[in-house]
Amino acid sequence: MNILYLCDEYPPGPHGGIGTYVRLIARQMAKLRHKVIVAGLYSRGYGGPDEFEDEGVKVFRYRWGIDGKWFENQQSLSVRVLNKVLLDAGITQWDIKKSLATYQKKLEHIISDEQIDIIEMPDYNDYTRFCRSYVPFPELPVPVIVKMNGSITYFNSEAGKPVASHVLKMEQDILNRAAAVSSASAYTAGKSAGYLSYSKPIKVLYNGIDTDIAVRGSSVPGTKQVVFTGSLVQKKGIFQLAKAWNIVIKQVPDARLLVLGKGPVNKVTAFLQEYAKSSVTFKGHVGKDELYACLANSAAAVFPSYAEAFALAPLEAMGCGTAVINSNRTSGPELVDDGINGILIDPDNVAQLASAIITLLNEPEKRLKLALAGNEKVKQYFDIDIIARQTLQFYEQVLAVRIG
C-alpha cells in the first residue's frame, strides 16, 4: 500500500503528540514494506531540511510563503512583534490561503507521482490557530482518513473555553469530507463527535510506542525519585503536582522530583513551598535515551493531566518498567486499570495525588507489581507493530468500501 501522512510537526523539530505518533506509525509502516510519504505545511520558523528520509519514510516539509531563517527564534521579542503585526494586518491569513493553494498542488503531484492509495491526516492543523476567518483545508483526489488526536474544538471545549465559529466550521468540514474517521481513544471519539456534530462511526485506534526499550528499571529498589514528563502547562497538571509535592516532601524528606519538559519553570516553583524547592530538579526537554534512562531509574512517573487524546508519555513510562500514576480524566482509564497496572488519581484532588506518590515511594513491593503489570499491558496492547497492523486493516476496509 502507498500511504501519505499529512503532518506539520514531524521530528526533528518542535512537535507534540501528533508529530511523535506520525513518526512512529510511518516508520512502522515502512518496516512492514509499505511505501510511506509524510508531507506537511509548516508555519514560520520551524527550520530543518525541506526533504529527508527517515528510516524508509520520505519526508517533505513545505513552508508558508513568508518564512525564512530570521523567523527561527520564535521566542525573541523582535520575531514575536513581527508575527503580531503580520497577524493583525491580515497578512498572515493571506499568506496561509496562498500557501495552502500551493500546498494542494504539491500534494496532488505526490499523490500522482507516488501512486498514493490513501491519506491520513490529524483533526488538528497548525495553520488553523492563526486564521481570523474561515480557510478550508484543500480537497484531495484520494480517500482521506482523519485521525482524532485532539482538535482545537476538542481541547477548548474540554477546558470550558470558547471556540471561534470559523475554527469550528473548519474542523467540522475536515471530518465531514473524510472517507473515514479514527480516534486515538474512545473518550476523544465520543467527545469530539459531540463537539463537532459528527454522527458517522469512528474507529478507535490507540496510539502506540516501540516497546522494545533497551532500558528497563522495573522501579529500581530503594530509589526515591519521582519523574514528570510533559509541557509545564496547567493542562498537564504540573501545578497540581507541585502542590502535592509539598505534602510528599514532608512525609518522605529524601524524595526527589525530576521534571522533564519545556515551559515557564517560575510558574511551577510558585506553587512549591520554600522547604520543597531544593528537592525538585528541572531539566527541560531531553532526548529519548536520557528520557528512558530517567524513567527507568525512577520509583514512579506521574501524569496528573486534565485533557489528553491518548497520551504517549504514560505509555513510555510503562514501557520502561516504571510504576505510573495517571489521571482519571479523559482517556486515562483506557490505558491504566486502577490498582492493577498503575494508579488513577483525580488531578483536582491534591491530597489523593500526594498519597499515591507516598504509597509508591514507601511500598517497593506494590510499586514493582504495578510496574511489571503496566509493562506487560503496554507490550500486549500498545506496541506500535500491533497498532500499525490494526491501522492497515482499517485502511483496507476503507478502500474496499470505496472500490465496492
Protein backbone atom coordinates (compact mmCIF):
# COMPACT_ATOMS: atom_id res chain seq x y z
CA MET A 1 0.00 0.00 0.00
CA ASN A 2 1.18 3.54 -0.75
CA ILE A 3 0.37 5.80 2.20
CA LEU A 4 0.62 9.57 2.58
CA TYR A 5 0.57 11.05 6.09
CA LEU A 6 -0.06 14.77 6.48
CA CYS A 7 1.80 16.24 9.44
CA ASP A 8 3.07 19.76 10.14
CA GLU A 9 5.30 18.81 13.10
CA TYR A 10 7.31 15.78 12.00
CA PRO A 11 10.51 15.49 14.10
CA PRO A 12 13.23 16.56 14.40
CA GLY A 13 11.94 19.97 15.39
CA PRO A 14 9.26 21.34 17.69
CA HIS A 15 6.49 18.76 17.99
CA GLY A 16 3.81 17.36 20.23
CA GLY A 17 1.95 14.09 20.39
CA ILE A 18 0.83 14.22 16.76
CA GLY A 19 4.38 14.51 15.46
CA THR A 20 5.55 11.67 17.71
CA TYR A 21 2.65 9.44 16.66
CA VAL A 22 3.09 10.09 12.93
CA ARG A 23 6.80 9.31 13.07
CA LEU A 24 6.17 6.06 14.97
CA ILE A 25 3.36 4.85 12.68
CA ALA A 26 5.15 5.95 9.49
CA ARG A 27 8.38 4.18 10.42
CA GLN A 28 6.48 1.02 11.31
CA MET A 29 4.52 1.04 8.05
CA ALA A 30 7.82 1.35 6.20
CA LYS A 31 9.17 -1.64 8.16
CA LEU A 32 6.11 -3.58 7.02
CA ARG A 33 7.23 -2.82 3.43
CA HIS A 34 4.65 -0.19 2.52
CA LYS A 35 5.61 2.96 0.66
CA VAL A 36 5.28 5.83 3.13
CA ILE A 37 5.41 9.56 2.42
CA VAL A 38 4.94 12.32 5.00
CA ALA A 39 4.17 15.88 3.91
CA GLY A 40 3.18 18.95 5.85
CA LEU A 41 2.68 22.70 5.62
CA TYR A 42 4.94 24.19 8.29
CA SER A 43 4.35 27.51 9.99
CA ARG A 44 7.02 30.18 10.22
CA GLY A 45 10.32 29.43 11.87
CA TYR A 46 10.13 25.64 12.03
CA GLY A 47 13.51 25.25 10.32
CA GLY A 48 15.18 21.99 9.35
CA PRO A 49 15.59 20.42 5.90
CA ASP A 50 12.86 20.62 3.28
CA GLU A 51 13.31 16.97 2.29
CA PHE A 52 14.87 13.98 4.06
CA GLU A 53 14.50 10.26 4.57
CA ASP A 54 13.77 8.78 7.99
CA GLU A 55 14.09 5.00 8.34
CA GLY A 56 12.48 4.36 4.98
CA VAL A 57 10.00 7.25 5.26
CA LYS A 58 10.24 10.06 2.70
CA VAL A 59 9.52 13.40 4.39
CA PHE A 60 8.61 16.71 2.69
CA ARG A 61 8.34 19.99 4.57
CA TYR A 62 6.53 22.74 2.69
CA ARG A 63 6.56 26.26 4.12
CA TRP A 64 4.37 29.29 4.36
CA GLY A 65 5.28 31.90 1.74
CA ILE A 66 6.52 34.38 4.36
CA ASP A 67 9.24 32.44 6.19
CA GLY A 68 13.00 32.16 6.47
CA LYS A 69 15.85 31.72 8.92
CA TRP A 70 15.11 35.07 10.55
CA PHE A 71 11.88 33.59 11.96
CA GLU A 72 13.53 30.55 13.59
CA ASN A 73 13.87 32.17 17.03
CA GLN A 74 10.14 32.41 17.60
CA GLN A 75 10.60 33.44 21.25
CA SER A 76 12.66 36.54 20.50
CA LEU A 77 10.91 39.85 21.05
CA SER A 78 11.52 41.09 17.50
CA VAL A 79 10.04 37.96 15.89
CA ARG A 80 7.04 37.97 18.24
CA VAL A 81 6.35 41.62 17.41
CA LEU A 82 6.66 40.98 13.67
CA ASN A 83 4.35 37.95 13.85
CA LYS A 84 1.74 40.04 15.68
CA VAL A 85 1.97 42.85 13.12
CA LEU A 86 1.54 40.35 10.25
CA LEU A 87 -1.38 38.70 12.03
CA ASP A 88 -3.19 41.94 12.92
CA ALA A 89 -2.73 43.33 9.40
CA GLY A 90 -4.34 40.25 7.85
CA ILE A 91 -1.12 39.38 6.02
CA THR A 92 -0.77 36.06 7.85
CA GLN A 93 -4.22 34.90 6.75
CA TRP A 94 -3.49 35.99 3.17
CA ASP A 95 -0.21 34.06 3.33
CA ILE A 96 -1.97 30.96 4.66
CA LYS A 97 -4.55 30.99 1.84
CA LYS A 98 -1.88 31.38 -0.80
CA SER A 99 0.38 28.75 0.81
CA LEU A 100 -2.50 26.25 1.06
CA ALA A 101 -3.18 26.60 -2.67
CA THR A 102 0.48 25.86 -3.43
CA TYR A 103 0.47 23.02 -0.88
CA GLN A 104 -2.56 21.45 -2.59
CA LYS A 105 -0.74 21.37 -5.94
CA LYS A 106 2.34 19.79 -4.36
CA LEU A 107 0.22 17.16 -2.62
CA GLU A 108 -1.53 16.37 -5.90
CA HIS A 109 1.88 15.83 -7.52
CA ILE A 110 2.91 13.47 -4.70
CA ILE A 111 -0.38 11.58 -4.99
CA SER A 112 0.15 11.16 -8.73
CA ASP A 113 3.91 10.50 -8.76
CA GLU A 114 3.89 8.09 -5.80
CA GLN A 115 0.55 6.48 -6.74
CA ILE A 116 -0.85 7.13 -3.27
CA ASP A 117 -3.72 4.86 -2.25
CA ILE A 118 -4.79 6.53 0.98
CA ILE A 119 -4.07 9.60 3.09
CA GLU A 120 -4.20 10.03 6.86
CA MET A 121 -4.30 13.46 8.45
CA PRO A 122 -4.98 14.69 12.00
CA ASP A 123 -8.03 16.62 13.13
CA TYR A 124 -5.67 19.44 14.18
CA ASN A 125 -3.84 21.58 11.62
CA ASP A 126 -1.45 24.19 12.97
CA TYR A 127 -2.41 26.91 10.50
CA THR A 128 -5.95 26.94 11.93
CA ARG A 129 -4.90 28.80 15.08
CA PHE A 130 -3.60 31.73 13.01
CA CYS A 131 -6.80 32.22 10.98
CA ARG A 132 -9.17 35.07 11.72
CA SER A 133 -11.87 33.72 9.38
CA TYR A 134 -12.78 30.53 7.52
CA VAL A 135 -9.95 28.98 5.48
CA PRO A 136 -10.80 25.44 4.33
CA PHE A 137 -8.30 22.63 4.05
CA PRO A 138 -7.77 21.54 0.40
CA GLU A 139 -9.80 18.69 -1.03
CA LEU A 140 -7.64 15.82 -2.34
CA PRO A 141 -8.32 13.20 -5.04
CA VAL A 142 -7.84 10.01 -2.95
CA PRO A 143 -9.57 8.76 0.21
CA VAL A 144 -8.59 10.76 3.30
CA ILE A 145 -8.82 9.32 6.81
CA VAL A 146 -8.90 11.82 9.65
CA LYS A 147 -7.44 10.67 12.96
CA MET A 148 -8.70 12.43 16.07
CA ASN A 149 -5.68 13.35 18.19
CA GLY A 150 -7.21 16.46 19.71
CA SER A 151 -8.56 19.38 17.66
CA ILE A 152 -8.76 22.98 18.85
CA THR A 153 -12.51 22.46 19.31
CA TYR A 154 -11.91 19.37 21.45
CA PHE A 155 -9.31 20.85 23.80
CA ASN A 156 -11.03 24.23 24.14
CA SER A 157 -14.39 22.60 24.83
CA GLU A 158 -12.85 20.24 27.39
CA ALA A 159 -11.33 23.23 29.16
CA GLY A 160 -14.56 25.23 29.04
CA LYS A 161 -13.04 27.78 26.66
CA PRO A 162 -14.90 29.32 23.70
CA VAL A 163 -14.31 28.07 20.15
CA ALA A 164 -14.30 30.62 17.34
CA SER A 165 -17.09 29.90 14.84
CA HIS A 166 -14.71 29.80 11.87
CA VAL A 167 -12.46 27.30 13.66
CA LEU A 168 -15.44 25.09 14.47
CA LYS A 169 -16.57 25.13 10.83
CA MET A 170 -13.04 24.40 9.53
CA GLU A 171 -12.70 21.40 11.82
CA GLN A 172 -16.21 20.17 11.09
CA ASP A 173 -15.55 20.32 7.36
CA ILE A 174 -12.38 18.23 7.69
CA LEU A 175 -14.40 15.47 9.35
CA ASN A 176 -17.39 15.72 7.03
CA ARG A 177 -15.22 15.40 3.92
CA ALA A 178 -13.25 12.43 5.27
CA ALA A 179 -13.68 8.95 3.78
CA ALA A 180 -13.50 7.67 7.37
CA VAL A 181 -12.54 8.85 10.84
CA SER A 182 -10.46 7.15 13.53
CA SER A 183 -9.56 8.28 17.03
CA ALA A 184 -6.69 7.86 19.46
CA SER A 185 -9.17 6.96 22.23
CA ALA A 186 -12.81 6.16 22.79
CA TYR A 187 -13.16 9.21 25.03
CA THR A 188 -11.82 11.58 22.36
CA ALA A 189 -14.05 9.94 19.75
CA GLY A 190 -17.20 10.42 21.79
CA LYS A 191 -16.49 13.95 22.92
CA SER A 192 -15.19 15.17 19.55
CA ALA A 193 -18.23 13.72 17.79
CA GLY A 194 -20.45 15.75 20.11
CA TYR A 195 -18.47 18.97 19.91
CA LEU A 196 -18.15 18.76 16.11
CA SER A 197 -21.63 17.36 15.36
CA TYR A 198 -20.20 14.26 13.66
CA SER A 199 -22.63 11.34 13.51
CA LYS A 200 -20.82 8.67 11.49
CA PRO A 201 -18.90 5.72 13.03
CA ILE A 202 -15.43 6.39 14.46
CA LYS A 203 -12.81 3.64 14.67
CA VAL A 204 -10.72 3.67 17.86
CA LEU A 205 -7.05 3.09 17.02
CA TYR A 206 -4.89 3.81 20.05
CA ASN A 207 -1.51 5.47 19.79
CA GLY A 208 1.37 3.07 20.32
CA ILE A 209 5.09 3.03 21.08
CA ASP A 210 8.07 0.88 20.26
CA THR A 211 8.03 -1.34 23.35
CA ASP A 212 11.50 -2.70 22.61
CA ILE A 213 13.02 -0.19 25.02
CA ALA A 214 16.59 -1.07 25.95
CA VAL A 215 16.47 0.49 29.43
CA ARG A 216 14.06 -1.12 31.89
CA GLY A 217 14.30 -0.49 35.58
CA SER A 218 11.24 -2.27 37.00
CA SER A 219 11.16 0.58 39.51
CA VAL A 220 14.69 0.38 40.91
CA PRO A 221 14.63 -0.80 44.56
CA GLY A 222 15.40 1.95 47.06
CA THR A 223 15.02 4.88 44.70
CA LYS A 224 13.04 7.87 45.93
CA GLN A 225 12.99 9.65 42.58
CA VAL A 226 9.67 10.63 41.00
CA VAL A 227 9.53 11.89 37.42
CA PHE A 228 7.12 14.07 35.45
CA THR A 229 7.42 14.39 31.68
CA GLY A 230 5.42 16.88 29.65
CA SER A 231 4.92 20.57 28.96
CA LEU A 232 4.86 22.82 32.01
CA VAL A 233 1.29 24.00 31.45
CA GLN A 234 -1.87 23.80 33.51
CA LYS A 235 -3.47 21.25 31.16
CA LYS A 236 -0.77 18.70 32.04
CA GLY A 237 -1.41 19.02 35.78
CA ILE A 238 2.11 20.13 36.68
CA PHE A 239 0.81 22.86 39.03
CA GLN A 240 -1.27 20.28 40.90
CA LEU A 241 1.79 18.06 41.15
CA ALA A 242 3.78 20.94 42.64
CA LYS A 243 1.09 21.44 45.29
CA ALA A 244 1.08 17.71 46.07
CA TRP A 245 4.86 17.66 46.29
CA ASN A 246 4.73 20.00 49.30
CA ILE A 247 2.86 17.21 51.12
CA VAL A 248 5.10 14.42 49.81
CA ILE A 249 8.36 16.00 50.91
CA LYS A 250 7.09 16.45 54.48
CA GLN A 251 6.41 12.72 54.77
CA VAL A 252 9.30 11.46 52.63
CA PRO A 253 12.11 14.01 53.19
CA ASP A 254 14.59 12.22 50.90
CA ALA A 255 12.19 12.13 47.93
CA ARG A 256 13.25 13.87 44.75
CA LEU A 257 11.11 15.17 41.87
CA LEU A 258 12.58 15.30 38.37
CA VAL A 259 10.67 17.48 35.89
CA LEU A 260 11.36 16.91 32.20
CA GLY A 261 9.68 19.28 29.77
CA LYS A 262 9.63 22.79 28.38
CA GLY A 263 7.75 25.69 29.88
CA PRO A 264 7.92 28.51 32.44
CA VAL A 265 9.70 26.99 35.46
CA ASN A 266 8.87 30.01 37.62
CA LYS A 267 5.15 29.28 37.26
CA VAL A 268 5.72 25.81 38.70
CA THR A 269 8.03 26.88 41.53
CA ALA A 270 5.42 29.47 42.58
CA PHE A 271 3.34 26.53 43.87
CA LEU A 272 6.25 25.00 45.83
CA GLN A 273 6.84 25.82 49.48
CA GLU A 274 10.35 27.02 50.30
CA TYR A 275 11.22 23.75 52.08
CA ALA A 276 10.27 21.72 48.98
CA LYS A 277 12.12 23.68 46.28
CA SER A 278 15.55 22.08 46.77
CA SER A 279 14.07 18.61 46.17
CA VAL A 280 12.84 19.47 42.66
CA THR A 281 15.08 19.47 39.57
CA PHE A 282 14.02 20.94 36.22
CA LYS A 283 15.90 19.56 33.21
CA GLY A 284 13.82 20.93 30.34
CA HIS A 285 13.42 18.87 27.19
CA VAL A 286 15.73 15.84 26.98
CA GLY A 287 16.49 13.33 24.24
CA LYS A 288 14.81 9.95 24.04
CA ASP A 289 17.72 7.98 25.52
CA GLU A 290 18.01 10.27 28.54
CA LEU A 291 14.23 10.29 28.96
CA TYR A 292 14.08 6.49 29.07
CA ALA A 293 17.02 6.31 31.49
CA CYS A 294 15.33 8.82 33.83
CA LEU A 295 12.05 6.89 33.69
CA ALA A 296 13.71 3.53 34.30
CA ASN A 297 15.56 4.86 37.33
CA SER A 298 12.53 6.42 39.00
CA ALA A 299 10.19 4.97 41.59
CA ALA A 300 7.17 6.43 39.84
CA ALA A 301 6.15 8.52 36.85
CA VAL A 302 3.29 10.96 37.44
CA PHE A 303 0.85 12.31 34.84
CA PRO A 304 -1.99 14.29 36.51
CA SER A 305 -3.28 15.64 33.20
CA TYR A 306 -6.63 17.36 32.71
CA ALA A 307 -7.02 16.71 28.98
CA GLU A 308 -5.45 14.30 26.51
CA ALA A 309 -6.45 12.45 23.36
CA PHE A 310 -4.29 9.45 24.26
CA ALA A 311 -1.02 10.42 25.88
CA LEU A 312 2.24 8.74 24.85
CA ALA A 313 4.15 9.78 27.99
CA PRO A 314 2.48 7.24 30.35
CA LEU A 315 2.93 4.57 27.67
CA GLU A 316 6.66 5.30 27.55
CA ALA A 317 6.94 5.16 31.34
CA MET A 318 5.15 1.81 31.47
CA GLY A 319 7.37 0.59 28.63
CA CYS A 320 10.40 1.48 30.74
CA GLY A 321 9.11 -0.61 33.64
CA THR A 322 8.17 2.34 35.81
CA ALA A 323 5.11 2.42 38.07
CA VAL A 324 2.66 5.00 36.75
CA ILE A 325 0.27 7.41 38.44
CA ASN A 326 -2.12 8.61 35.75
CA SER A 327 -5.06 10.98 35.57
CA ASN A 328 -8.57 9.55 35.78
CA ARG A 329 -9.71 12.24 33.36
CA THR A 330 -10.42 11.83 29.62
CA SER A 331 -8.63 8.75 28.19
CA GLY A 332 -6.65 7.90 31.35
CA PRO A 333 -8.78 4.86 32.31
CA GLU A 334 -8.40 3.44 28.78
CA LEU A 335 -4.70 2.92 29.50
CA VAL A 336 -4.46 2.29 33.25
CA ASP A 337 -6.57 -0.15 35.24
CA ASP A 338 -6.57 1.39 38.70
CA GLY A 339 -4.65 -0.68 41.25
CA ILE A 340 -3.75 -3.35 38.69
CA ASN A 341 -1.17 -1.82 36.34
CA GLY A 342 -0.99 1.69 37.74
CA ILE A 343 -2.83 4.17 39.93
CA LEU A 344 -5.52 6.58 38.76
CA ILE A 345 -5.99 9.90 40.54
CA ASP A 346 -8.22 12.95 40.20
CA PRO A 347 -5.89 15.87 39.34
CA ASP A 348 -8.12 18.20 41.35
CA ASN A 349 -7.56 16.06 44.46
CA VAL A 350 -4.10 17.15 45.60
CA ALA A 351 -4.23 15.01 48.76
CA GLN A 352 -5.07 11.91 46.70
CA LEU A 353 -2.19 12.63 44.31
CA ALA A 354 0.25 13.08 47.18
CA SER A 355 -0.98 9.88 48.85
CA ALA A 356 -0.44 7.88 45.66
CA ILE A 357 3.14 9.15 45.35
CA ILE A 358 3.90 8.45 49.01
CA THR A 359 2.48 4.93 48.69
CA LEU A 360 4.73 4.07 45.75
CA LEU A 361 7.79 5.57 47.47
CA ASN A 362 7.20 3.66 50.71
CA GLU A 363 5.94 0.34 49.34
CA PRO A 364 8.52 -1.10 46.90
CA GLU A 365 6.71 -4.42 46.53
CA LYS A 366 3.48 -2.75 45.40
CA ARG A 367 5.49 -0.46 43.17
CA LEU A 368 7.19 -3.40 41.47
CA LYS A 369 3.92 -5.28 41.00
CA LEU A 370 2.27 -2.28 39.30
CA ALA A 371 5.36 -1.61 37.18
CA LEU A 372 5.57 -5.15 35.86
CA ALA A 373 1.83 -5.31 35.13
CA GLY A 374 1.98 -1.94 33.37
CA ASN A 375 4.91 -3.05 31.25
CA GLU A 376 3.06 -6.22 30.26
CA LYS A 377 -0.11 -4.33 29.28
CA VAL A 378 1.79 -1.92 27.04
CA LYS A 379 3.60 -4.79 25.28
CA GLN A 380 0.37 -6.73 24.82
CA TYR A 381 -1.88 -3.94 23.55
CA PHE A 382 0.09 -0.83 22.59
CA ASP A 383 3.19 -1.95 20.75
CA ILE A 384 3.48 0.10 17.55
CA ASP A 385 3.61 -3.06 15.42
CA ILE A 386 0.22 -4.15 16.80
CA ILE A 387 -1.23 -0.67 16.25
CA ALA A 388 0.20 -0.47 12.71
CA ARG A 389 -1.37 -3.79 11.71
CA GLN A 390 -4.73 -2.73 13.14
CA THR A 391 -4.43 0.54 11.24
CA LEU A 392 -3.61 -1.24 7.98
CA GLN A 393 -6.67 -3.42 8.38
CA PHE A 394 -8.76 -0.27 8.82
CA TYR A 395 -7.22 1.30 5.69
CA GLU A 396 -8.03 -1.84 3.69
CA GLN A 397 -11.65 -1.77 4.89
CA VAL A 398 -12.00 1.88 3.90
CA LEU A 399 -10.53 1.23 0.45
CA ALA A 400 -12.70 -1.85 -0.06
CA VAL A 401 -15.84 0.19 0.63
CA ARG A 402 -14.69 2.90 -1.77
CA ILE A 403 -13.95 0.38 -4.53
CA GLY A 404 -17.16 -1.54 -3.87
